[in-house]
Protein backbone atom coordinates (compact mmCIF):
# COMPACT_ATOMS: atom_id res chain seq x y z
CA UNK A 1 -0.01 0.04 0.04
CA UNK A 2 1.33 3.43 -1.04
CA UNK A 3 1.12 6.26 1.41
CA UNK A 4 1.09 9.93 0.47
CA UNK A 5 0.94 13.37 2.48
CA UNK A 6 -2.35 14.93 3.06
CA UNK A 7 -3.53 18.54 3.80
CA UNK A 8 -4.30 19.03 7.49
CA UNK A 9 -6.49 21.62 8.63
CA UNK A 10 -3.49 23.64 10.03
CA UNK A 11 -2.04 23.69 6.42
CA UNK A 12 -5.55 24.77 4.74
CA UNK A 13 -5.73 27.61 7.43
CA UNK A 14 -2.07 28.60 6.55
CA UNK A 15 -2.67 28.64 2.77
CA UNK A 16 -5.68 30.61 3.08
CA UNK A 17 -4.23 33.26 5.49
CA UNK A 18 -1.25 33.56 2.98
CA UNK A 19 -3.56 33.85 0.10
CA UNK A 20 -5.86 36.54 1.88
CA UNK A 21 -2.82 38.46 2.75
CA UNK A 22 -1.62 38.69 -0.95
CA UNK A 23 -5.11 39.66 -1.80
CA UNK A 24 -5.30 42.23 0.62
CA UNK A 25 -1.72 43.77 -0.12
CA UNK A 26 -3.04 44.31 -3.59
CA UNK A 27 -6.47 45.43 -2.71
CA UNK A 28 -8.00 42.68 -4.47
CA UNK A 29 -11.52 41.54 -3.65
CA UNK A 30 -11.59 37.72 -4.20
CA UNK A 31 -12.98 34.50 -3.23
CA UNK A 32 -10.46 32.02 -2.09
CA UNK A 33 -11.11 28.03 -2.11
CA UNK A 34 -9.06 25.31 -0.87
CA UNK A 35 -9.77 21.74 -1.77
CA UNK A 36 -8.47 18.33 -0.98
CA UNK A 37 -6.95 15.91 -3.73
CA UNK A 38 -10.46 14.88 -4.54
CA UNK A 39 -11.80 18.34 -5.17
CA UNK A 40 -13.67 18.38 -1.93
CA UNK A 41 -14.03 21.79 -0.46
CA UNK A 42 -11.90 22.52 2.72
CA UNK A 43 -12.03 26.13 2.91
CA UNK A 44 -14.01 29.02 1.26
CA UNK A 45 -13.82 32.93 2.13
CA UNK A 46 -15.22 35.78 0.14
CA UNK A 47 -13.36 38.78 1.00
CA UNK A 48 -15.42 42.10 1.52
CA UNK A 49 -16.39 43.38 -1.91
CA UNK A 50 -15.89 40.37 -3.93
CA UNK A 51 -18.53 39.70 -6.49
CA UNK A 52 -21.09 36.74 -5.28
CA UNK A 53 -20.29 34.73 -8.29
CA UNK A 54 -16.61 34.53 -7.37
CA UNK A 55 -17.68 32.34 -4.51
CA UNK A 56 -19.03 29.78 -7.08
CA UNK A 57 -16.05 30.15 -9.55
CA UNK A 58 -13.16 29.86 -7.21
CA UNK A 59 -14.06 26.39 -5.72
CA UNK A 60 -14.46 25.30 -9.42
CA UNK A 61 -11.17 26.58 -10.33
CA UNK A 62 -9.58 24.75 -7.33
CA UNK A 63 -11.55 21.49 -8.13
CA UNK A 64 -10.45 21.55 -11.82
CA UNK A 65 -6.69 22.01 -10.65
CA UNK A 66 -6.93 19.17 -8.03
CA UNK A 67 -8.56 16.49 -10.24
CA UNK A 68 -6.80 17.46 -13.43
CA UNK A 69 -3.46 17.43 -11.49
CA UNK A 70 -2.42 20.56 -13.11
CA UNK A 71 -3.28 24.29 -13.18
CA UNK A 72 -6.67 25.19 -14.57
CA UNK A 73 -4.94 27.54 -16.94
CA UNK A 74 -3.88 24.43 -19.05
CA UNK A 75 -7.21 23.61 -19.98
CA UNK A 76 -7.98 27.30 -20.79
CA UNK A 77 -4.79 27.44 -23.06
CA UNK A 78 -5.92 24.19 -24.81
CA UNK A 79 -9.46 25.45 -25.56
CA UNK A 80 -8.09 28.88 -26.66
CA UNK A 81 -5.64 26.96 -28.75
CA UNK A 82 -8.43 25.56 -30.66
CA UNK A 83 -9.15 22.51 -28.91
CA UNK A 84 -12.88 23.46 -28.47
CA UNK A 85 -13.86 19.75 -28.05
CA UNK A 86 -12.47 20.12 -24.34
CA UNK A 87 -15.41 22.36 -23.60
CA UNK A 88 -17.29 18.81 -23.25
CA UNK A 89 -14.74 17.61 -20.72
CA UNK A 90 -16.20 17.18 -17.13
CA UNK A 91 -14.15 19.99 -15.81
CA UNK A 92 -15.77 22.36 -13.29
CA UNK A 93 -13.97 25.57 -14.62
CA UNK A 94 -11.42 25.95 -17.37
CA UNK A 95 -10.22 29.53 -16.20
CA UNK A 96 -6.87 30.39 -14.94
CA UNK A 97 -6.80 30.72 -11.11
CA UNK A 98 -6.80 27.10 -10.06
CA UNK A 99 -3.37 25.83 -8.88
CA UNK A 100 -2.81 22.25 -7.44
CA UNK A 101 -0.80 21.84 -4.19
CA UNK A 102 2.00 19.59 -4.75
CA UNK A 103 3.83 17.85 -1.97
CA UNK A 104 6.62 15.21 -2.49
CA UNK A 105 5.39 14.90 -5.94
CA UNK A 106 1.88 14.04 -4.99
CA UNK A 107 -1.02 16.53 -5.60
CA UNK A 108 -2.58 16.70 -2.05
CA UNK A 109 -5.06 19.57 -3.03
CA UNK A 110 -5.52 22.94 -4.91
CA UNK A 111 -6.34 26.47 -4.52
CA UNK A 112 -8.54 28.38 -6.58
CA UNK A 113 -9.18 32.14 -6.70
CA UNK A 114 -11.78 34.27 -8.32
CA UNK A 115 -12.47 37.88 -8.56
CA UNK A 116 -9.78 39.99 -10.36
CA UNK A 117 -7.82 39.18 -13.67
CA UNK A 118 -6.95 35.51 -13.90
CA UNK A 119 -3.23 35.91 -13.65
CA UNK A 120 -3.70 38.00 -10.52
CA UNK A 121 -6.08 35.14 -9.27
CA UNK A 122 -3.27 32.41 -9.95
CA UNK A 123 -0.79 34.87 -8.03
CA UNK A 124 -2.93 34.89 -5.09
CA UNK A 125 -3.38 30.96 -5.37
CA UNK A 126 0.55 30.52 -5.51
CA UNK A 127 1.11 32.95 -2.64
CA UNK A 128 -1.07 30.82 -0.46
CA UNK A 129 0.42 27.54 -1.55
CA UNK A 130 4.03 29.17 -0.91
CA UNK A 131 3.32 29.30 2.83
CA UNK A 132 3.47 25.66 2.96
């Protein structure tokens, strides 16, 4: 039987706090979601001023990154590159801003952010992950 690391609540809180700090430092109103490796929601917060829809999009981006084992931007790039058949894939959100959390070569979860430009969403997610 193989074993692998997993996110603990303490890890999730650390990721969320660092992501929130990055968003606040840039005055970005976003929603931040953290999921486990199966895409199940562990954390969701919507900062003051974030659009209500961002609380739906952030977990979807995180789920896509966790289940796909890659940044959600990879799917956005495929579709924008002309592979429109990927629109029928069972992915929650094919927009940049979902970043997998990788520990010792294992995807243990993902962070999804929504509310500002996609590259800025990803910046916030990476800042959260860097706190690990």
